[in-house]
Amino acid sequence: IACVNVPRRSRITKLAVDPDHIEELSDLFGESLIISRTEQR
């Protein structure tokens, strides 16, 4: 999974796996994570 480079990347990766947390991540990091997820699909 492509994630934003952050200190707590392992935690972000876990959240990125769970669709329920996508909205939380989008609020924190903007749409960059959503875009990276979309590109992988």
Protein backbone atom coordinates (compact mmCIF):
# COMPACT_ATOMS: atom_id res chain seq x y z
CA ILE A 1 0.00 0.00 0.00
CA ALA A 2 1.36 3.39 -0.95
CA CYS A 3 1.37 5.59 2.11
CA VAL A 4 2.40 9.11 2.92
CA ASN A 5 5.87 9.23 4.44
CA VAL A 6 5.17 9.81 8.12
CA PRO A 7 6.88 8.78 11.37
CA ARG A 8 3.99 6.49 12.30
CA ARG A 9 3.80 4.87 8.89
CA SER A 10 3.08 1.43 10.33
CA ARG A 11 -0.02 2.77 12.05
CA ILE A 12 -1.08 4.66 8.93
CA THR A 13 -0.65 1.50 6.88
CA LYS A 14 -2.96 -0.39 9.22
CA LEU A 15 -5.58 2.32 8.94
CA ALA A 16 -5.17 2.44 5.17
CA VAL A 17 -6.06 -1.25 5.01
CA ASP A 18 -9.36 -0.57 6.77
CA PRO A 19 -11.84 1.27 4.49
CA ASP A 20 -13.65 2.55 7.59
CA HIS A 21 -10.66 4.74 8.40
CA ILE A 22 -10.14 6.19 4.93
CA GLU A 23 -12.18 9.27 5.80
CA GLU A 24 -10.08 9.86 8.92
CA LEU A 25 -6.89 9.66 6.90
CA SER A 26 -8.28 11.97 4.23
CA ASP A 27 -8.98 14.55 6.93
CA LEU A 28 -5.45 14.23 8.31
CA PHE A 29 -3.40 14.00 5.15
CA GLY A 30 -5.72 15.38 2.48
CA GLU A 31 -6.53 13.41 -0.65
CA SER A 32 -2.94 12.26 -1.25
CA LEU A 33 -3.58 8.90 0.44
CA ILE A 34 -6.87 8.41 -1.38
CA ILE A 35 -5.15 9.14 -4.69
CA SER A 36 -2.36 6.65 -3.98
CA ARG A 37 -4.94 4.00 -3.08
CA THR A 38 -6.88 4.68 -6.27
CA GLU A 39 -3.76 4.35 -8.42
CA GLN A 40 -3.04 0.89 -7.00
CA ARG A 41 -6.49 -0.47 -7.85
